[in-house]
C-alpha cells in the first residue's frame, strides 16, 4: 500500500520519506514492472487500476536518456507480460511504441546496442560511466532474449528482425 498511497504512477517509492522519485521521468516503472505480479497473485482490481493508469497517463515521449537494458527489462518486459497475461491491447500498443523508441539504441556500427537512448530524439550512446566506448556483455545478451523474441512474437516488427540479423552477422 505504500507505493499506491505515496507514489502511484511515479517511478519509485522512497519509503522512509513517503515520497517518490521519477528517475525515468514518470514512466511509472514500478507500476509497470509489477503488473505481472499483480496478475499472478490474483489482485485483479489492482491490476485493472494500473491498466487504467497505463491507458490514460503513460507516455514514452520523454526527452531524456534512459538505460536501454533497464527500460527493456522493466518497462518493455512489464508491458509485454501484462499483454500476454491479460490480452488487453493497450499493453501491446504501449509496448510497440516503447520498443520502436528503444530500437534506435541498436543503430550502431556493430549492431550491438548502445547503453542508453533518448526516447524522444532517438539519440543513443554508450554509458559514460563505463568509458563510453564499450557495451556490457551481460546486458547485450539479455537484450537478445528479453527484447527481440517477445516483440517479434507479438508484433512481427520488421525492424526488430533486421537488427537481430545484423547482430547475428557480427558474431
N, C-alpha and C. Protein backbone atom coordinates (compact mmCIF):
# COMPACT_ATOMS: atom_id res chain seq x y z
N UNK A 1 0.80 -1.21 0.00
CA UNK A 1 0.00 0.00 0.00
C UNK A 1 0.84 1.27 0.00
N UNK A 2 2.13 1.17 0.40
CA UNK A 2 2.99 2.35 0.42
C UNK A 2 3.14 2.97 -0.95
N UNK A 3 3.37 2.13 -1.97
CA UNK A 3 3.50 2.65 -3.33
C UNK A 3 2.20 3.30 -3.78
N UNK A 4 1.09 2.61 -3.58
CA UNK A 4 -0.21 3.13 -4.01
C UNK A 4 -0.54 4.45 -3.32
N UNK A 5 -0.24 4.54 -2.03
CA UNK A 5 -0.58 5.74 -1.26
C UNK A 5 0.33 6.92 -1.57
N UNK A 6 1.62 6.65 -1.74
CA UNK A 6 2.59 7.75 -1.81
C UNK A 6 3.25 7.94 -3.17
N UNK A 7 3.11 6.97 -4.08
CA UNK A 7 3.88 7.10 -5.32
C UNK A 7 3.17 6.55 -6.56
N UNK A 8 1.90 6.26 -6.49
CA UNK A 8 1.17 5.63 -7.59
C UNK A 8 1.39 6.41 -8.89
N UNK A 9 1.84 5.69 -9.92
CA UNK A 9 2.08 6.29 -11.23
C UNK A 9 3.46 6.90 -11.37
N UNK A 10 4.19 7.01 -10.29
CA UNK A 10 5.56 7.53 -10.35
C UNK A 10 6.52 6.36 -10.47
N UNK A 11 7.78 6.68 -10.70
CA UNK A 11 8.75 5.62 -10.97
C UNK A 11 9.12 4.81 -9.74
N UNK A 12 9.39 5.46 -8.64
CA UNK A 12 9.87 4.73 -7.46
C UNK A 12 9.36 5.37 -6.18
N UNK A 13 9.10 4.52 -5.21
CA UNK A 13 8.72 4.96 -3.87
C UNK A 13 9.97 5.16 -3.02
N UNK A 14 10.00 6.24 -2.27
CA UNK A 14 11.03 6.45 -1.25
C UNK A 14 10.34 6.17 0.09
N UNK A 15 10.42 4.94 0.58
CA UNK A 15 9.57 4.52 1.71
C UNK A 15 9.82 5.26 3.02
N UNK A 16 11.04 5.62 3.31
CA UNK A 16 11.29 6.29 4.58
C UNK A 16 10.70 7.69 4.61
N UNK A 17 10.80 8.40 3.51
CA UNK A 17 10.27 9.77 3.47
C UNK A 17 8.81 9.82 3.02
N UNK A 18 8.30 8.68 2.53
CA UNK A 18 6.94 8.60 1.98
C UNK A 18 6.74 9.56 0.80
N UNK A 19 7.78 9.65 0.00
CA UNK A 19 7.75 10.45 -1.22
C UNK A 19 8.11 9.53 -2.39
N UNK A 20 8.24 10.12 -3.54
CA UNK A 20 8.58 9.36 -4.74
C UNK A 20 9.68 10.08 -5.50
N UNK A 21 10.27 9.37 -6.45
CA UNK A 21 11.18 10.00 -7.40
C UNK A 21 10.87 9.46 -8.79
N UNK A 22 11.19 10.26 -9.77
CA UNK A 22 10.92 9.92 -11.17
C UNK A 22 12.22 9.89 -11.95
N UNK A 23 13.02 8.86 -11.73
CA UNK A 23 14.28 8.74 -12.46
C UNK A 23 14.07 8.46 -13.95
N UNK A 24 12.90 7.99 -14.33
CA UNK A 24 12.56 7.75 -15.73
C UNK A 24 11.51 8.75 -16.20
N UNK A 25 11.49 9.91 -15.59
CA UNK A 25 10.57 10.99 -15.95
C UNK A 25 9.10 10.60 -15.88
N UNK A 26 8.75 9.79 -14.91
CA UNK A 26 7.35 9.47 -14.68
C UNK A 26 6.76 8.41 -15.57
N UNK A 27 7.57 7.46 -16.03
CA UNK A 27 7.07 6.37 -16.86
C UNK A 27 6.41 5.27 -16.03
N UNK A 28 6.25 5.50 -14.74
CA UNK A 28 5.58 4.50 -13.91
C UNK A 28 6.30 3.17 -13.86
N UNK A 29 7.62 3.21 -13.79
CA UNK A 29 8.42 1.99 -13.90
C UNK A 29 8.04 0.94 -12.86
N UNK A 30 7.86 1.32 -11.63
CA UNK A 30 7.49 0.34 -10.60
C UNK A 30 6.11 -0.24 -10.90
N UNK A 31 5.18 0.59 -11.28
CA UNK A 31 3.82 0.15 -11.60
C UNK A 31 3.86 -0.88 -12.73
N UNK A 32 4.56 -0.56 -13.81
CA UNK A 32 4.60 -1.44 -14.97
C UNK A 32 5.35 -2.73 -14.65
N UNK A 33 6.43 -2.60 -13.90
CA UNK A 33 7.23 -3.76 -13.54
C UNK A 33 6.47 -4.73 -12.63
N UNK A 34 5.44 -4.25 -11.96
CA UNK A 34 4.69 -5.10 -11.02
C UNK A 34 3.40 -5.67 -11.61
N UNK A 35 3.07 -5.34 -12.83
CA UNK A 35 1.80 -5.80 -13.42
C UNK A 35 1.68 -7.33 -13.43
N UNK A 36 2.75 -8.01 -13.82
CA UNK A 36 2.66 -9.48 -13.86
C UNK A 36 2.48 -10.08 -12.47
N UNK A 37 3.11 -9.48 -11.47
CA UNK A 37 2.95 -9.96 -10.09
C UNK A 37 1.51 -9.77 -9.63
N UNK A 38 0.94 -8.61 -9.93
CA UNK A 38 -0.46 -8.37 -9.55
C UNK A 38 -1.37 -9.42 -10.19
N UNK A 39 -1.14 -9.71 -11.46
CA UNK A 39 -1.97 -10.69 -12.16
C UNK A 39 -1.82 -12.07 -11.53
N UNK A 40 -0.56 -12.51 -11.32
CA UNK A 40 -0.32 -13.85 -10.79
C UNK A 40 -0.81 -14.02 -9.35
N UNK A 41 -0.84 -12.93 -8.59
CA UNK A 41 -1.34 -13.01 -7.22
C UNK A 41 -2.84 -12.81 -7.15
N UNK A 42 -3.49 -12.77 -8.31
CA UNK A 42 -4.93 -12.61 -8.42
C UNK A 42 -5.42 -11.31 -7.79
N UNK A 43 -4.61 -10.27 -7.91
CA UNK A 43 -5.01 -8.94 -7.45
C UNK A 43 -5.53 -8.17 -8.67
N UNK A 44 -6.63 -8.68 -9.21
CA UNK A 44 -7.15 -8.16 -10.48
C UNK A 44 -7.65 -6.72 -10.36
N UNK A 45 -8.26 -6.35 -9.26
CA UNK A 45 -8.73 -4.96 -9.12
C UNK A 45 -7.55 -4.00 -9.20
N UNK A 46 -6.45 -4.34 -8.53
CA UNK A 46 -5.26 -3.50 -8.57
C UNK A 46 -4.65 -3.51 -9.97
N UNK A 47 -4.65 -4.69 -10.61
CA UNK A 47 -4.13 -4.79 -11.97
C UNK A 47 -4.89 -3.86 -12.91
N UNK A 48 -6.23 -3.90 -12.85
CA UNK A 48 -7.02 -3.08 -13.77
C UNK A 48 -6.90 -1.60 -13.44
N UNK A 49 -6.68 -1.26 -12.19
CA UNK A 49 -6.43 0.13 -11.83
C UNK A 49 -5.12 0.61 -12.46
N UNK A 50 -4.12 -0.24 -12.42
CA UNK A 50 -2.84 0.10 -13.06
C UNK A 50 -3.00 0.16 -14.58
N UNK A 51 -3.79 -0.73 -15.13
CA UNK A 51 -4.05 -0.71 -16.57
C UNK A 51 -4.68 0.62 -16.98
N UNK A 52 -5.61 1.12 -16.17
CA UNK A 52 -6.23 2.41 -16.47
C UNK A 52 -5.19 3.52 -16.46
N UNK A 53 -4.23 3.45 -15.53
CA UNK A 53 -3.16 4.46 -15.49
C UNK A 53 -2.33 4.39 -16.77
N UNK A 54 -2.00 3.16 -17.19
CA UNK A 54 -1.23 2.98 -18.42
C UNK A 54 -1.98 3.59 -19.60
N UNK A 55 -3.27 3.33 -19.70
CA UNK A 55 -4.07 3.85 -20.82
C UNK A 55 -4.17 5.38 -20.78
N UNK A 56 -4.36 5.94 -19.62
CA UNK A 56 -4.64 7.37 -19.51
C UNK A 56 -3.40 8.26 -19.35
N UNK A 57 -2.31 7.70 -18.82
CA UNK A 57 -1.18 8.57 -18.46
C UNK A 57 0.17 8.19 -19.04
N UNK A 58 0.38 6.93 -19.39
CA UNK A 58 1.72 6.50 -19.80
C UNK A 58 2.12 7.12 -21.13
N UNK A 59 3.27 7.77 -21.12
CA UNK A 59 3.84 8.32 -22.34
C UNK A 59 5.34 8.00 -22.36
N UNK A 60 5.82 7.64 -23.52
CA UNK A 60 7.25 7.39 -23.69
C UNK A 60 7.91 8.52 -24.47
N UNK A 61 7.21 9.60 -24.69
CA UNK A 61 7.76 10.76 -25.41
C UNK A 61 8.56 11.60 -24.42
N UNK A 62 9.69 11.05 -23.99
CA UNK A 62 10.48 11.64 -22.92
C UNK A 62 11.83 12.07 -23.46
N UNK A 63 12.15 13.33 -23.29
CA UNK A 63 13.40 13.90 -23.78
C UNK A 63 14.50 13.70 -22.73
N UNK A 64 14.88 12.45 -22.56
CA UNK A 64 15.87 12.09 -21.55
C UNK A 64 16.51 10.77 -21.95
N UNK A 65 17.79 10.61 -21.63
CA UNK A 65 18.45 9.33 -21.85
C UNK A 65 18.01 8.35 -20.78
N UNK A 66 17.67 7.15 -21.21
CA UNK A 66 17.32 6.07 -20.29
C UNK A 66 18.21 4.87 -20.61
N UNK A 67 18.42 4.02 -19.64
CA UNK A 67 19.18 2.80 -19.84
C UNK A 67 18.41 1.87 -20.78
N UNK A 68 19.05 1.48 -21.87
CA UNK A 68 18.41 0.56 -22.81
C UNK A 68 18.04 -0.74 -22.10
N UNK A 69 18.96 -1.27 -21.32
CA UNK A 69 18.74 -2.54 -20.63
C UNK A 69 17.63 -2.43 -19.58
N UNK A 70 17.74 -1.48 -18.67
CA UNK A 70 16.74 -1.35 -17.59
C UNK A 70 15.36 -1.06 -18.14
N UNK A 71 15.27 -0.21 -19.15
CA UNK A 71 13.98 0.13 -19.72
C UNK A 71 13.38 -1.07 -20.46
N UNK A 72 14.24 -1.87 -21.07
CA UNK A 72 13.76 -3.08 -21.75
C UNK A 72 13.23 -4.09 -20.75
N UNK A 73 14.01 -4.38 -19.72
CA UNK A 73 13.58 -5.46 -18.82
C UNK A 73 12.43 -5.03 -17.91
N UNK A 74 12.41 -3.77 -17.50
CA UNK A 74 11.37 -3.35 -16.56
C UNK A 74 10.11 -2.84 -17.27
N UNK A 75 10.27 -1.95 -18.22
CA UNK A 75 9.09 -1.35 -18.87
C UNK A 75 8.58 -2.17 -20.04
N UNK A 76 9.45 -2.45 -21.00
CA UNK A 76 9.00 -3.23 -22.16
C UNK A 76 8.58 -4.63 -21.72
N UNK A 77 9.39 -5.25 -20.87
CA UNK A 77 9.05 -6.58 -20.37
C UNK A 77 7.75 -6.58 -19.58
N UNK A 78 7.56 -5.55 -18.75
CA UNK A 78 6.33 -5.45 -17.97
C UNK A 78 5.10 -5.30 -18.84
N UNK A 79 5.21 -4.47 -19.86
CA UNK A 79 4.07 -4.26 -20.77
C UNK A 79 3.75 -5.53 -21.56
N UNK A 80 4.79 -6.19 -22.06
CA UNK A 80 4.57 -7.41 -22.83
C UNK A 80 4.02 -8.54 -21.96
N UNK A 81 4.49 -8.64 -20.72
CA UNK A 81 3.96 -9.65 -19.80
C UNK A 81 2.49 -9.37 -19.49
N UNK A 82 2.17 -8.11 -19.25
CA UNK A 82 0.78 -7.74 -18.95
C UNK A 82 -0.13 -8.07 -20.14
N UNK A 83 0.37 -7.81 -21.35
CA UNK A 83 -0.41 -8.15 -22.53
C UNK A 83 -0.59 -9.67 -22.64
N UNK A 84 0.50 -10.41 -22.43
CA UNK A 84 0.45 -11.86 -22.55
C UNK A 84 -0.54 -12.46 -21.56
N UNK A 85 -0.59 -11.91 -20.36
CA UNK A 85 -1.47 -12.46 -19.33
C UNK A 85 -2.92 -12.03 -19.50
N UNK A 86 -3.13 -10.77 -19.85
CA UNK A 86 -4.50 -10.24 -19.87
C UNK A 86 -5.12 -10.19 -21.26
N UNK A 87 -4.29 -10.11 -22.29
CA UNK A 87 -4.79 -9.95 -23.64
C UNK A 87 -5.27 -8.54 -23.95
N UNK A 88 -5.05 -7.60 -23.04
CA UNK A 88 -5.51 -6.23 -23.23
C UNK A 88 -4.57 -5.50 -24.20
N UNK A 89 -5.14 -5.05 -25.31
CA UNK A 89 -4.37 -4.44 -26.40
C UNK A 89 -3.63 -3.17 -26.00
N UNK A 90 -4.07 -2.45 -24.97
CA UNK A 90 -3.39 -1.22 -24.60
C UNK A 90 -1.95 -1.50 -24.20
N UNK A 91 -1.70 -2.66 -23.58
CA UNK A 91 -0.34 -3.02 -23.20
C UNK A 91 0.52 -3.26 -24.44
N UNK A 92 -0.04 -3.91 -25.43
CA UNK A 92 0.69 -4.15 -26.67
C UNK A 92 0.96 -2.85 -27.40
N UNK A 93 -0.01 -1.95 -27.45
CA UNK A 93 0.18 -0.65 -28.10
C UNK A 93 1.32 0.13 -27.45
N UNK A 94 1.32 0.17 -26.13
CA UNK A 94 2.37 0.90 -25.41
C UNK A 94 3.72 0.21 -25.56
N UNK A 95 3.73 -1.13 -25.59
CA UNK A 95 4.97 -1.87 -25.78
C UNK A 95 5.54 -1.62 -27.17
N UNK A 96 4.69 -1.60 -28.17
CA UNK A 96 5.14 -1.34 -29.54
C UNK A 96 5.74 0.06 -29.65
N UNK A 97 5.11 1.04 -29.02
CA UNK A 97 5.64 2.40 -29.02
C UNK A 97 7.01 2.44 -28.35
N UNK A 98 7.11 1.85 -27.17
CA UNK A 98 8.38 1.86 -26.45
C UNK A 98 9.44 1.07 -27.21
N UNK A 99 9.08 -0.09 -27.72
CA UNK A 99 10.03 -0.89 -28.48
C UNK A 99 10.58 -0.16 -29.70
N UNK A 100 9.71 0.57 -30.39
CA UNK A 100 10.16 1.36 -31.55
C UNK A 100 11.17 2.43 -31.14
N UNK A 101 10.96 3.02 -29.98
CA UNK A 101 11.88 4.04 -29.48
C UNK A 101 13.20 3.41 -29.03
N UNK A 102 13.13 2.27 -28.37
CA UNK A 102 14.33 1.59 -27.90
C UNK A 102 15.17 1.03 -29.06
N UNK A 103 14.52 0.70 -30.16
CA UNK A 103 15.24 0.16 -31.31
C UNK A 103 16.34 1.10 -31.80
N UNK A 104 16.19 2.38 -31.58
CA UNK A 104 17.20 3.34 -32.01
C UNK A 104 18.55 3.07 -31.34
N UNK A 105 18.53 2.43 -30.18
CA UNK A 105 19.77 2.08 -29.49
C UNK A 105 20.57 1.03 -30.28
N UNK A 106 19.93 0.31 -31.19
CA UNK A 106 20.60 -0.72 -31.96
C UNK A 106 21.19 -0.18 -33.26
N UNK A 107 21.03 1.10 -33.52
CA UNK A 107 21.60 1.71 -34.73
C UNK A 107 23.06 2.07 -34.48
N UNK A 108 23.85 1.05 -34.26
CA UNK A 108 25.29 1.24 -34.04
C UNK A 108 26.03 0.54 -35.18
N UNK A 109 27.28 0.89 -35.39
CA UNK A 109 28.02 0.25 -36.49
C UNK A 109 28.07 -1.27 -36.37
N UNK A 110 28.13 -1.79 -35.16
CA UNK A 110 28.23 -3.24 -34.97
C UNK A 110 26.87 -3.92 -34.81
N UNK A 111 25.83 -3.15 -34.55
CA UNK A 111 24.53 -3.72 -34.24
C UNK A 111 24.36 -4.02 -32.77
N UNK A 112 25.46 -3.96 -32.02
CA UNK A 112 25.39 -4.14 -30.56
C UNK A 112 24.79 -2.87 -30.00
N UNK A 113 23.77 -2.97 -29.19
CA UNK A 113 23.05 -1.77 -28.76
C UNK A 113 23.87 -0.84 -27.88
N UNK A 114 23.61 0.43 -28.06
CA UNK A 114 24.17 1.43 -27.16
C UNK A 114 23.51 1.26 -25.79
N UNK A 115 24.18 1.68 -24.76
CA UNK A 115 23.70 1.50 -23.40
C UNK A 115 22.59 2.44 -22.98
N UNK A 116 22.43 3.53 -23.71
CA UNK A 116 21.36 4.48 -23.36
C UNK A 116 20.80 5.11 -24.63
N UNK A 117 19.53 5.49 -24.54
CA UNK A 117 18.86 6.09 -25.68
C UNK A 117 17.91 7.17 -25.17
N UNK A 118 17.83 8.25 -25.92
CA UNK A 118 16.87 9.30 -25.63
C UNK A 118 15.56 8.89 -26.30
N UNK A 119 14.53 8.69 -25.50
CA UNK A 119 13.28 8.15 -26.03
C UNK A 119 12.55 9.11 -26.96
N UNK A 120 12.84 10.41 -26.88
CA UNK A 120 12.18 11.37 -27.75
C UNK A 120 12.97 11.57 -29.05
N UNK A 121 14.26 11.85 -28.92
CA UNK A 121 15.06 12.18 -30.11
C UNK A 121 15.61 10.94 -30.81
N UNK A 122 15.75 9.84 -30.10
CA UNK A 122 16.35 8.65 -30.67
C UNK A 122 17.87 8.65 -30.62
N UNK A 123 18.47 9.72 -30.11
CA UNK A 123 19.92 9.76 -29.96
C UNK A 123 20.34 8.66 -28.98
N UNK A 124 21.42 7.97 -29.32
CA UNK A 124 21.88 6.87 -28.46
C UNK A 124 23.39 6.95 -28.30
N UNK A 125 23.86 6.46 -27.17
CA UNK A 125 25.30 6.43 -26.90
C UNK A 125 25.57 5.37 -25.84
N UNK A 126 26.83 5.05 -25.70
CA UNK A 126 27.20 4.13 -24.63
C UNK A 126 27.22 4.87 -23.32
N UNK A 127 27.18 4.12 -22.26
CA UNK A 127 27.09 4.69 -20.92
C UNK A 127 28.40 5.37 -20.54
N UNK A 128 28.35 6.62 -20.11
CA UNK A 128 29.59 7.34 -19.78
C UNK A 128 30.34 6.72 -18.60
N UNK A 129 29.64 6.08 -17.68
CA UNK A 129 30.32 5.55 -16.50
C UNK A 129 31.14 4.30 -16.79
N UNK A 130 31.02 3.73 -18.00
CA UNK A 130 31.88 2.60 -18.35
C UNK A 130 32.89 2.98 -19.43
N UNK A 131 33.11 4.25 -19.62
CA UNK A 131 34.10 4.71 -20.57
C UNK A 131 33.52 5.16 -21.90
N UNK A 132 32.28 4.89 -22.15
CA UNK A 132 31.62 5.39 -23.34
C UNK A 132 31.92 4.67 -24.63
N UNK A 133 32.86 3.73 -24.63
CA UNK A 133 33.23 3.05 -25.87
C UNK A 133 32.91 1.57 -25.89
N UNK A 134 32.32 1.05 -24.83
CA UNK A 134 32.08 -0.38 -24.75
C UNK A 134 30.64 -0.66 -24.36
N UNK A 135 30.21 -1.89 -24.62
CA UNK A 135 28.88 -2.35 -24.20
C UNK A 135 29.08 -3.39 -23.11
N UNK A 136 28.10 -3.52 -22.24
CA UNK A 136 28.16 -4.52 -21.18
C UNK A 136 27.61 -5.83 -21.74
N UNK A 137 28.46 -6.86 -21.75
CA UNK A 137 28.11 -8.12 -22.38
C UNK A 137 26.85 -8.74 -21.79
N UNK A 138 26.70 -8.73 -20.47
CA UNK A 138 25.52 -9.33 -19.85
C UNK A 138 24.24 -8.61 -20.29
N UNK A 139 24.31 -7.29 -20.41
CA UNK A 139 23.14 -6.54 -20.87
C UNK A 139 22.82 -6.89 -22.31
N UNK A 140 23.83 -6.91 -23.15
CA UNK A 140 23.64 -7.20 -24.56
C UNK A 140 23.03 -8.58 -24.76
N UNK A 141 23.53 -9.58 -24.04
CA UNK A 141 22.99 -10.94 -24.14
C UNK A 141 21.55 -11.01 -23.68
N UNK A 142 21.25 -10.33 -22.58
CA UNK A 142 19.88 -10.32 -22.06
C UNK A 142 18.93 -9.63 -23.02
N UNK A 143 19.41 -8.60 -23.70
CA UNK A 143 18.54 -7.87 -24.63
C UNK A 143 18.10 -8.74 -25.80
N UNK A 144 18.96 -9.64 -26.25
CA UNK A 144 18.58 -10.52 -27.36
C UNK A 144 17.36 -11.35 -26.98
N UNK A 145 17.35 -11.87 -25.77
CA UNK A 145 16.24 -12.71 -25.33
C UNK A 145 15.06 -11.86 -24.89
N UNK A 146 15.32 -10.83 -24.09
CA UNK A 146 14.26 -10.05 -23.49
C UNK A 146 13.59 -9.06 -24.42
N UNK A 147 14.27 -8.64 -25.45
CA UNK A 147 13.73 -7.61 -26.35
C UNK A 147 13.21 -8.24 -27.63
N UNK A 148 14.06 -8.95 -28.31
CA UNK A 148 13.71 -9.40 -29.64
C UNK A 148 12.65 -10.48 -29.68
N UNK A 149 12.83 -11.53 -28.92
CA UNK A 149 11.86 -12.63 -29.03
C UNK A 149 10.44 -12.18 -28.73
N UNK A 150 10.17 -11.54 -27.57
CA UNK A 150 8.77 -11.20 -27.30
C UNK A 150 8.21 -10.16 -28.27
N UNK A 151 9.00 -9.18 -28.66
CA UNK A 151 8.48 -8.14 -29.54
C UNK A 151 8.19 -8.70 -30.92
N UNK A 152 9.07 -9.55 -31.42
CA UNK A 152 8.82 -10.18 -32.72
C UNK A 152 7.59 -11.08 -32.63
N UNK A 153 7.49 -11.82 -31.55
CA UNK A 153 6.40 -12.78 -31.40
C UNK A 153 5.03 -12.11 -31.40
N UNK A 154 4.91 -10.95 -30.80
CA UNK A 154 3.59 -10.35 -30.68
C UNK A 154 3.32 -9.24 -31.69
N UNK A 155 4.36 -8.67 -32.30
CA UNK A 155 4.11 -7.56 -33.22
C UNK A 155 4.59 -7.83 -34.64
N UNK A 156 5.44 -8.84 -34.82
CA UNK A 156 6.07 -9.10 -36.12
C UNK A 156 6.76 -7.83 -36.63
N UNK A 157 7.40 -7.14 -35.74
CA UNK A 157 8.06 -5.88 -36.04
C UNK A 157 9.27 -6.12 -36.94
N UNK A 158 9.17 -5.74 -38.19
CA UNK A 158 10.23 -6.00 -39.16
C UNK A 158 11.57 -5.40 -38.77
N UNK A 159 11.58 -4.24 -38.13
CA UNK A 159 12.84 -3.62 -37.73
C UNK A 159 13.55 -4.46 -36.67
N UNK A 160 12.81 -5.10 -35.81
CA UNK A 160 13.42 -5.96 -34.80
C UNK A 160 14.16 -7.09 -35.48
N UNK A 161 13.54 -7.70 -36.47
CA UNK A 161 14.16 -8.81 -37.20
C UNK A 161 15.43 -8.33 -37.89
N UNK A 162 15.39 -7.15 -38.51
CA UNK A 162 16.56 -6.59 -39.19
C UNK A 162 17.72 -6.44 -38.21
N UNK A 163 17.46 -5.88 -37.04
CA UNK A 163 18.52 -5.67 -36.06
C UNK A 163 19.03 -6.99 -35.48
N UNK A 164 18.15 -7.94 -35.31
CA UNK A 164 18.57 -9.24 -34.80
C UNK A 164 19.51 -9.92 -35.80
N UNK A 165 19.19 -9.85 -37.07
CA UNK A 165 20.04 -10.45 -38.08
C UNK A 165 21.38 -9.74 -38.16
N UNK A 166 21.40 -8.42 -38.01
CA UNK A 166 22.66 -7.67 -38.01
C UNK A 166 23.56 -8.13 -36.87
N UNK A 167 22.98 -8.30 -35.69
CA UNK A 167 23.78 -8.76 -34.55
C UNK A 167 24.31 -10.16 -34.79
N UNK A 168 23.51 -11.04 -35.37
CA UNK A 168 23.95 -12.40 -35.64
C UNK A 168 25.10 -12.39 -36.65
N UNK A 169 25.01 -11.52 -37.66
CA UNK A 169 26.06 -11.44 -38.67
C UNK A 169 27.38 -10.95 -38.08
N UNK A 170 27.32 -10.14 -37.03
CA UNK A 170 28.52 -9.58 -36.42
C UNK A 170 29.25 -10.58 -35.54
N UNK A 171 28.61 -11.69 -35.19
CA UNK A 171 29.24 -12.68 -34.31
C UNK A 171 30.38 -13.40 -34.95
